[in-house]
Amino acid sequence: MAEVDEAADRLRRIELLADSDLSELDAPELLTELLDRIRGLLDVDTAVVLLADRTGTELTAAAAAGLEEEVRQGVRVPLGQGFAGRVAADRQPLVLQRIDSHTVVNPLLWEKGLHSLLGVPLVCAGDLVGVLHVGTLRRREFDDTDLHMLQLAADRLAAAIRVRQSSADRAAAAALQRGLLPGRLPSLPGVDLAARYVPDPDDGVGGDWYDVFTLDSGHLCLVMGDVVGHGLRAAMVMGRLRSALRAYALEVADPAEVLTRLDRTIQHFEEEITATLVYVVVDPALDRFRVSVAGHPLPVLYSGGGAALLDVPVDLPVGVVPDVTRRTSTVHLTPDAVLCLYTDGLVEGRDLPVAAGQEVLRRELTPAAAPMVCARLMSALIGGRGAEDDVALLVLCRTPLKADDHPD
């Protein structure tokens, strides 16, 4: 009877881990509160959560109850090493009855005077989230019930952490992307510019981006890019590529050389990152532009009564292989020219092959005010089906120069 009562009591205490009041807490408060409840549930002295970093090679102390020094000192544990590292690498529970430099890599554990440790992996939807471990200042023989309780707590904790991580990542990525996309496009005589960006409806944000800037020489630069991937990491990489490309644009005039330098930077600093880009440099006279394409969908140009994909070479995306030979092409702009740069989300969908989407784009690209051109293209290609991926669109229209715009 006593065993039944004890089991029922533990079950009631486990339900505290799913208390609706916890949903009102922010992430740090949530972890701290849950760890306090886990300490009471298992009658232990310490409870610690270590989270896997984005590279999956290290664990970082994120929250602790009874061993707060781990968080304050930013403890890091390599995957596969020490107690928590072995739990994470094997994704299996682990019990330690001897805590010293031979069994753990974190000296805080033996300096605290811990005698016994029980650790379990935090896993959500098959992905490693981190490790949860508890410890006692006395020798403790953890049994199967303790293990079951801790793993149940870990499963609930992993789900809560992942939900909050995903929400935080989406918010951070969206804020980052909003900050990096141009808020106001340059206003230049003889040019009308407009752009659209629609994030992936599922992921909220991705690696699609565009940029427009001018150089001291009077050249106008247009960029359209797509970093492979979604979420915060793609948005962060996009931001670094945008900054690097702008820096190289100030140093060299040739678009192919700018992309070559950008590619070299990715190869050296960005592990397993791939991106496609189009980089266009329009001459001050607005009668021609130079362009280099790195694996990106070809721009469409309306010129002299019709629109067509640019007839220029397409080189490999950046980040694929080192030392790629990149090429620059020169294209003439007629007085009625309309140039359209875009990402594949505009012209591709479940029921829309790329070639068919590009044909619609070519057919719909005709001279008008740039915002009207954007509206027409979005209506023709997105309006009926909705965006299924990130969509970025940038349109340049040549406009007649007013009398006071002409140089003396």
Protein backbone atom coordinates (compact mmCIF):
# COMPACT_ATOMS: atom_id res chain seq x y z
CA MET A 1 0.00 0.00 0.00
CA ALA A 2 2.85 2.36 0.86
CA GLU A 3 4.42 1.73 -2.55
CA VAL A 4 1.12 2.56 -4.27
CA ASP A 5 0.77 5.78 -2.29
CA GLU A 6 4.38 6.73 -3.10
CA ALA A 7 3.83 6.08 -6.80
CA ALA A 8 0.65 8.15 -6.79
CA ASP A 9 2.47 10.96 -5.01
CA ARG A 10 5.25 10.92 -7.57
CA LEU A 11 2.72 10.95 -10.38
CA ARG A 12 1.09 14.05 -8.91
CA ARG A 13 4.48 15.70 -8.65
CA ILE A 14 5.30 14.82 -12.23
CA GLU A 15 2.14 16.61 -13.28
CA LEU A 16 3.68 19.76 -11.82
CA LEU A 17 6.10 19.65 -14.76
CA ALA A 18 3.18 20.31 -17.10
CA ASP A 19 1.54 22.97 -14.92
CA SER A 20 -0.26 25.51 -17.14
CA ASP A 21 1.28 28.32 -15.08
CA LEU A 22 4.65 27.44 -16.59
CA SER A 23 3.50 28.65 -20.00
CA GLU A 24 3.51 32.20 -18.65
CA LEU A 25 7.24 32.09 -17.86
CA ASP A 26 10.00 33.18 -20.21
CA ALA A 27 12.74 30.73 -21.13
CA PRO A 28 15.24 31.35 -18.26
CA GLU A 29 12.49 31.42 -15.64
CA LEU A 30 10.94 28.27 -17.10
CA LEU A 31 14.18 26.28 -16.88
CA THR A 32 14.90 27.44 -13.35
CA GLU A 33 11.39 26.59 -12.15
CA LEU A 34 11.40 23.19 -13.81
CA LEU A 35 14.79 22.31 -12.32
CA ASP A 36 13.59 23.27 -8.84
CA ARG A 37 10.60 20.99 -9.32
CA ILE A 38 12.83 18.16 -10.56
CA ARG A 39 15.02 18.49 -7.46
CA GLY A 40 11.99 18.11 -5.27
CA LEU A 41 10.58 15.29 -7.37
CA LEU A 42 13.72 13.14 -7.13
CA ASP A 43 15.00 14.37 -3.76
CA VAL A 44 18.38 15.44 -5.16
CA ASP A 45 20.70 18.34 -4.40
CA THR A 46 21.50 19.58 -7.91
CA ALA A 47 19.81 19.67 -11.29
CA VAL A 48 21.49 21.04 -14.40
CA VAL A 49 20.51 21.50 -18.04
CA LEU A 50 23.22 21.72 -20.69
CA LEU A 51 22.14 22.58 -24.23
CA ALA A 52 23.78 21.45 -27.45
CA ASP A 53 25.27 24.26 -29.52
CA ARG A 54 24.39 24.82 -33.16
CA THR A 55 27.42 22.87 -34.37
CA GLY A 56 26.47 19.84 -32.30
CA THR A 57 29.99 19.55 -30.88
CA GLU A 58 29.60 21.10 -27.44
CA LEU A 59 27.19 21.38 -24.54
CA THR A 60 26.76 24.66 -22.70
CA ALA A 61 25.33 25.02 -19.21
CA ALA A 62 22.01 26.83 -19.64
CA ALA A 63 20.28 26.52 -16.25
CA ALA A 64 21.04 25.02 -12.85
CA ALA A 65 19.48 24.54 -9.44
CA GLY A 66 21.95 23.87 -6.64
CA LEU A 67 24.92 24.20 -8.99
CA GLU A 68 24.44 27.71 -10.35
CA GLU A 69 28.20 28.15 -10.80
CA GLU A 70 27.99 26.07 -13.99
CA VAL A 71 25.87 28.74 -15.64
CA ARG A 72 27.71 31.71 -14.16
CA GLN A 73 31.04 30.37 -15.40
CA GLY A 74 29.71 29.38 -18.82
CA VAL A 75 30.72 25.72 -18.51
CA ARG A 76 31.23 23.95 -21.83
CA VAL A 77 31.56 20.20 -22.29
CA PRO A 78 32.72 18.62 -25.57
CA LEU A 79 30.41 15.95 -26.95
CA GLY A 80 31.69 12.51 -26.04
CA GLN A 81 33.87 13.69 -23.16
CA GLY A 82 33.14 13.56 -19.46
CA PHE A 83 29.82 12.69 -17.94
CA ALA A 84 27.40 14.98 -19.78
CA GLY A 85 29.35 14.63 -23.03
CA ARG A 86 28.99 10.84 -22.93
CA VAL A 87 25.25 11.05 -22.19
CA ALA A 88 24.83 13.35 -25.20
CA ALA A 89 27.00 11.33 -27.56
CA ASP A 90 25.44 7.97 -26.66
CA ARG A 91 21.93 9.38 -26.11
CA GLN A 92 21.66 6.95 -23.22
CA PRO A 93 21.17 7.44 -19.46
CA LEU A 94 24.28 7.23 -17.32
CA VAL A 95 24.87 6.79 -13.59
CA LEU A 96 28.13 7.74 -11.86
CA GLN A 97 29.03 6.75 -8.34
CA ARG A 98 32.55 8.20 -8.48
CA ILE A 99 33.02 11.89 -9.30
CA ASP A 100 36.58 12.99 -10.01
CA SER A 101 38.85 14.16 -12.83
CA HIS A 102 38.81 10.67 -14.34
CA THR A 103 35.03 10.52 -14.75
CA VAL A 104 33.98 14.13 -15.40
CA VAL A 105 35.61 17.09 -17.18
CA ASN A 106 33.95 19.80 -15.10
CA PRO A 107 35.85 20.35 -11.82
CA LEU A 108 32.82 22.10 -10.31
CA LEU A 109 31.16 18.72 -9.90
CA TRP A 110 33.75 17.28 -7.54
CA GLU A 111 34.51 20.63 -5.93
CA LYS A 112 30.84 20.81 -5.00
CA GLY A 113 31.23 17.50 -3.19
CA LEU A 114 28.85 15.48 -5.34
CA HIS A 115 28.95 11.73 -4.83
CA SER A 116 26.36 10.44 -7.30
CA LEU A 117 25.12 11.62 -10.70
CA LEU A 118 22.29 10.53 -12.95
CA GLY A 119 22.07 11.98 -16.43
CA VAL A 120 19.67 11.54 -19.33
CA PRO A 121 19.62 12.98 -22.86
CA LEU A 122 17.22 15.74 -23.89
CA VAL A 123 15.86 14.65 -27.27
CA CYS A 124 12.99 16.15 -29.25
CA ALA A 125 11.75 14.80 -32.59
CA GLY A 126 14.95 12.80 -32.94
CA ASP A 127 17.23 15.82 -32.45
CA LEU A 128 19.61 16.19 -29.54
CA VAL A 129 18.61 19.22 -27.47
CA GLY A 130 21.02 18.69 -24.58
CA VAL A 131 21.47 16.83 -21.31
CA LEU A 132 19.69 16.90 -17.96
CA HIS A 133 21.57 15.60 -14.96
CA VAL A 134 20.90 15.48 -11.23
CA GLY A 135 23.30 14.88 -8.37
CA THR A 136 23.46 14.23 -4.63
CA LEU A 137 25.91 15.25 -1.92
CA ARG A 138 25.55 11.79 -0.42
CA ARG A 139 26.00 8.42 -2.01
CA ARG A 140 22.77 7.53 -3.80
CA GLU A 141 21.84 4.32 -5.60
CA PHE A 142 19.62 5.59 -8.38
CA ASP A 143 17.10 2.91 -9.35
CA ASP A 144 14.92 2.28 -12.41
CA THR A 145 12.13 4.39 -10.96
CA ASP A 146 14.49 7.35 -10.57
CA LEU A 147 15.66 6.87 -14.13
CA HIS A 148 12.12 6.64 -15.46
CA MET A 149 11.09 9.78 -13.59
CA LEU A 150 14.09 11.77 -14.79
CA GLN A 151 13.67 10.65 -18.40
CA LEU A 152 9.99 11.58 -18.31
CA ALA A 153 10.93 14.99 -16.94
CA ALA A 154 13.63 15.30 -19.61
CA ASP A 155 11.20 14.52 -22.42
CA ARG A 156 8.83 17.25 -21.25
CA LEU A 157 11.71 19.63 -20.72
CA ALA A 158 13.16 18.95 -24.18
CA ALA A 159 9.83 19.69 -25.83
CA ALA A 160 9.42 22.93 -23.86
CA ILE A 161 12.98 24.03 -24.70
CA ARG A 162 12.60 23.26 -28.39
CA VAL A 163 9.33 25.18 -28.65
CA ARG A 164 10.86 28.23 -27.00
CA GLN A 165 14.07 27.93 -29.03
CA SER A 166 12.09 27.76 -32.26
CA SER A 167 9.98 30.74 -31.28
CA ALA A 168 13.04 32.75 -30.23
CA ASP A 169 14.92 31.78 -33.39
CA ARG A 170 12.04 32.83 -35.62
CA ALA A 171 11.69 36.16 -33.85
CA ALA A 172 15.43 36.82 -33.96
CA ALA A 173 15.71 35.80 -37.61
CA ALA A 174 12.76 37.96 -38.61
CA ALA A 175 14.19 40.96 -36.74
CA LEU A 176 17.61 40.38 -38.29
CA GLN A 177 16.22 40.10 -41.77
CA ARG A 178 14.06 43.20 -41.39
CA GLY A 179 17.14 45.09 -40.28
CA LEU A 180 19.25 43.91 -43.19
CA LEU A 181 16.83 44.34 -46.09
CA PRO A 182 16.94 47.88 -47.46
CA GLY A 183 14.32 50.05 -45.82
CA ARG A 184 14.34 52.65 -48.58
CA LEU A 185 15.73 52.10 -52.05
CA PRO A 186 17.98 54.76 -53.57
CA SER A 187 16.28 57.55 -55.48
CA LEU A 188 18.24 58.31 -58.65
CA PRO A 189 17.44 60.30 -61.79
CA GLY A 190 16.41 58.05 -64.68
CA VAL A 191 15.79 54.99 -62.50
CA ASP A 192 12.70 53.65 -60.79
CA LEU A 193 13.24 50.88 -58.21
CA ALA A 194 10.87 48.65 -56.26
CA ALA A 195 11.16 45.41 -54.31
CA ARG A 196 9.09 42.78 -52.54
CA TYR A 197 10.01 40.22 -49.90
CA VAL A 198 7.67 37.49 -48.61
CA PRO A 199 9.03 35.01 -46.03
CA ASP A 200 8.38 31.28 -46.12
CA PRO A 201 4.90 30.79 -44.57
CA ASP A 202 6.14 27.77 -42.60
CA ASP A 203 9.61 28.81 -41.45
CA GLY A 204 8.88 32.53 -41.23
CA VAL A 205 12.27 33.59 -42.54
CA GLY A 206 15.04 32.19 -44.65
CA GLY A 207 18.14 33.09 -46.58
CA ASP A 208 16.62 35.02 -49.49
CA TRP A 209 17.82 38.61 -49.65
CA TYR A 210 18.35 41.58 -51.91
CA ASP A 211 20.40 44.71 -51.66
CA VAL A 212 20.67 48.00 -53.53
CA PHE A 213 23.42 50.57 -53.00
CA THR A 214 25.41 53.21 -54.85
CA LEU A 215 29.15 53.75 -55.11
CA ASP A 216 31.10 57.02 -55.09
CA SER A 217 31.75 56.44 -58.78
CA GLY A 218 28.03 56.84 -59.48
CA HIS A 219 27.48 53.16 -60.23
CA LEU A 220 24.29 51.54 -58.96
CA CYS A 221 24.67 48.03 -57.52
CA LEU A 222 21.90 45.42 -57.32
CA VAL A 223 22.22 42.13 -55.47
CA MET A 224 19.88 39.16 -55.27
CA GLY A 225 20.91 36.15 -53.21
CA ASP A 226 19.66 32.94 -51.66
CA VAL A 227 21.50 31.23 -48.79
CA VAL A 228 20.66 27.53 -48.69
CA GLY A 229 18.62 26.82 -45.55
CA HIS A 230 16.08 28.55 -43.35
CA GLY A 231 15.77 30.06 -39.92
CA LEU A 232 18.16 32.02 -37.79
CA ARG A 233 21.38 30.50 -39.11
CA ALA A 234 20.48 31.27 -42.73
CA ALA A 235 19.53 34.83 -41.77
CA MET A 236 22.81 35.31 -39.88
CA VAL A 237 24.86 34.00 -42.81
CA MET A 238 22.89 36.23 -45.15
CA GLY A 239 23.81 39.22 -43.03
CA ARG A 240 27.50 38.37 -43.12
CA LEU A 241 27.46 37.85 -46.89
CA ARG A 242 25.67 41.15 -47.42
CA SER A 243 28.28 43.03 -45.40
CA ALA A 244 31.20 41.26 -47.07
CA LEU A 245 29.86 41.88 -50.57
CA ARG A 246 29.40 45.57 -49.86
CA ALA A 247 32.98 45.78 -48.61
CA TYR A 248 34.38 44.06 -51.71
CA ALA A 249 32.23 46.27 -53.97
CA LEU A 250 34.11 49.28 -52.59
CA GLU A 251 37.46 47.68 -53.45
CA VAL A 252 36.95 46.25 -56.95
CA ALA A 253 34.71 47.21 -59.88
CA ASP A 254 34.39 43.85 -61.64
CA PRO A 255 31.31 41.89 -60.47
CA ALA A 256 33.03 38.54 -61.06
CA GLU A 257 35.96 39.58 -58.86
CA VAL A 258 33.56 40.69 -56.11
CA LEU A 259 31.88 37.28 -56.14
CA THR A 260 35.27 35.55 -56.29
CA ARG A 261 36.35 37.32 -53.11
CA LEU A 262 33.03 36.58 -51.48
CA ASP A 263 33.40 32.91 -52.40
CA ARG A 264 36.89 32.84 -50.91
CA THR A 265 35.51 34.28 -47.67
CA ILE A 266 32.79 31.64 -47.50
CA GLN A 267 35.25 28.83 -48.20
CA HIS A 268 37.47 30.02 -45.35
CA PHE A 269 35.00 31.14 -42.67
CA GLU A 270 31.57 29.60 -43.33
CA GLU A 271 31.48 25.83 -42.88
CA GLU A 272 29.06 23.98 -45.17
CA ILE A 273 27.40 27.15 -46.46
CA THR A 274 26.19 27.50 -50.03
CA ALA A 275 24.53 30.50 -51.63
CA THR A 276 23.43 31.61 -55.07
CA LEU A 277 23.80 35.23 -56.14
CA VAL A 278 23.34 37.70 -58.94
CA TYR A 279 25.44 40.86 -58.75
CA VAL A 280 24.66 43.72 -61.16
CA VAL A 281 26.58 46.99 -61.52
CA VAL A 282 24.76 49.64 -63.58
CA ASP A 283 26.85 52.34 -65.23
CA PRO A 284 26.10 55.98 -64.29
CA ALA A 285 24.90 56.66 -67.84
CA LEU A 286 22.26 53.92 -67.36
CA ASP A 287 22.94 52.56 -70.84
CA ARG A 288 24.50 49.26 -69.77
CA PHE A 289 25.27 47.05 -66.79
CA ARG A 290 27.78 44.36 -65.90
CA VAL A 291 26.58 41.18 -64.27
CA SER A 292 27.99 38.01 -62.72
CA VAL A 293 25.75 35.06 -61.85
CA ALA A 294 26.66 32.46 -59.22
CA GLY A 295 24.23 29.59 -59.63
CA HIS A 296 21.20 31.86 -59.34
CA PRO A 297 18.07 31.97 -61.56
CA LEU A 298 18.81 34.23 -64.50
CA PRO A 299 17.40 37.77 -64.36
CA VAL A 300 14.76 38.74 -66.91
CA LEU A 301 15.21 41.87 -69.01
CA TYR A 302 12.55 43.72 -70.99
CA SER A 303 14.23 45.62 -73.78
CA GLY A 304 13.11 46.89 -77.17
CA GLY A 305 9.60 45.47 -77.13
CA GLY A 306 10.06 42.06 -75.48
CA ALA A 307 11.36 40.31 -72.36
CA ALA A 308 13.76 37.39 -72.11
CA LEU A 309 16.08 35.65 -69.68
CA LEU A 310 19.52 37.22 -69.80
CA ASP A 311 21.80 35.37 -72.19
CA VAL A 312 24.80 35.28 -69.85
CA PRO A 313 26.85 32.42 -68.36
CA VAL A 314 25.93 30.97 -64.97
CA ASP A 315 28.84 29.99 -62.74
CA LEU A 316 28.75 27.74 -59.67
CA PRO A 317 27.15 28.98 -56.45
CA VAL A 318 29.51 30.38 -53.84
CA GLY A 319 30.67 27.96 -51.16
CA VAL A 320 30.66 24.85 -53.37
CA VAL A 321 34.28 24.36 -54.43
CA PRO A 322 37.29 26.66 -54.13
CA ASP A 323 38.93 28.61 -56.95
CA VAL A 324 35.96 28.78 -59.29
CA THR A 325 36.48 30.84 -62.44
CA ARG A 326 33.79 33.51 -62.50
CA ARG A 327 32.73 35.61 -65.45
CA THR A 328 31.31 39.09 -66.00
CA SER A 329 29.00 39.92 -68.89
CA THR A 330 28.02 43.33 -70.22
CA VAL A 331 24.37 43.95 -71.15
CA HIS A 332 22.97 47.08 -72.81
CA LEU A 333 19.96 48.92 -71.41
CA THR A 334 17.49 50.51 -73.80
CA PRO A 335 15.50 53.59 -72.73
CA ASP A 336 12.44 51.38 -72.04
CA ALA A 337 14.37 48.67 -70.19
CA VAL A 338 12.94 46.79 -67.18
CA LEU A 339 15.30 44.50 -65.27
CA CYS A 340 13.92 41.90 -62.86
CA LEU A 341 15.97 40.00 -60.26
CA TYR A 342 14.25 37.34 -58.15
CA THR A 343 14.69 34.17 -56.11
CA ASP A 344 13.32 30.77 -57.07
CA GLY A 345 10.38 31.06 -54.67
CA LEU A 346 8.78 33.47 -57.14
CA VAL A 347 8.82 31.11 -60.11
CA GLU A 348 8.63 27.65 -58.51
CA GLY A 349 5.93 25.79 -56.61
CA ARG A 350 4.40 22.35 -56.19
CA ASP A 351 2.30 22.86 -59.31
CA LEU A 352 4.60 25.34 -61.03
CA PRO A 353 7.84 24.13 -62.63
CA VAL A 354 10.63 26.70 -62.78
CA ALA A 355 10.53 26.95 -66.57
CA ALA A 356 6.79 27.58 -66.52
CA GLY A 357 7.17 30.21 -63.81
CA GLN A 358 9.90 31.97 -65.73
CA GLU A 359 7.70 31.98 -68.82
CA VAL A 360 4.94 33.72 -66.84
CA LEU A 361 7.49 36.19 -65.53
CA ARG A 362 8.79 36.88 -69.02
CA ARG A 363 5.28 37.39 -70.36
CA GLU A 364 4.20 39.71 -67.55
CA LEU A 365 7.34 41.87 -67.49
CA THR A 366 6.43 45.04 -69.36
CA PRO A 367 7.26 48.71 -68.77
CA ALA A 368 5.41 50.56 -65.99
CA ALA A 369 6.25 52.23 -62.72
CA ALA A 370 8.46 49.81 -60.76
CA PRO A 371 5.93 49.30 -57.89
CA MET A 372 3.27 48.45 -60.48
CA VAL A 373 5.61 45.94 -62.13
CA CYS A 374 6.20 44.26 -58.75
CA ALA A 375 2.47 44.16 -58.06
CA ARG A 376 1.73 42.63 -61.45
CA LEU A 377 4.40 39.94 -61.09
CA MET A 378 3.39 39.01 -57.54
CA SER A 379 -0.25 38.78 -58.61
CA ALA A 380 0.55 36.63 -61.63
CA LEU A 381 2.96 34.26 -59.89
CA ILE A 382 1.98 34.25 -56.21
CA GLY A 383 -1.57 35.57 -55.98
CA GLY A 384 -3.34 32.36 -56.92
CA ARG A 385 -1.17 29.84 -55.07
CA GLY A 386 0.45 31.74 -52.21
CA ALA A 387 4.15 31.64 -51.43
CA GLU A 388 5.53 28.16 -50.76
CA ASP A 389 9.07 29.38 -50.11
CA ASP A 390 10.83 32.67 -49.47
CA VAL A 391 10.20 35.15 -52.27
CA ALA A 392 12.43 38.11 -53.07
CA LEU A 393 11.83 40.37 -56.06
CA LEU A 394 13.73 43.45 -57.23
CA VAL A 395 12.74 45.54 -60.25
CA LEU A 396 14.65 48.34 -62.01
CA CYS A 397 12.90 50.44 -64.65
CA ARG A 398 14.55 53.08 -66.75
CA THR A 399 12.57 56.30 -66.76
CA PRO A 400 12.86 59.41 -68.96
CA LEU A 401 15.18 62.05 -67.54
CA LYS A 402 13.63 65.40 -66.76
CA ALA A 403 15.21 68.52 -68.19
CA ASP A 404 16.89 69.43 -64.91
CA ASP A 405 18.26 65.88 -64.54
CA HIS A 406 20.48 66.19 -67.60
CA PRO A 407 24.08 67.22 -66.94
CA ASP A 408 25.07 70.70 -68.04
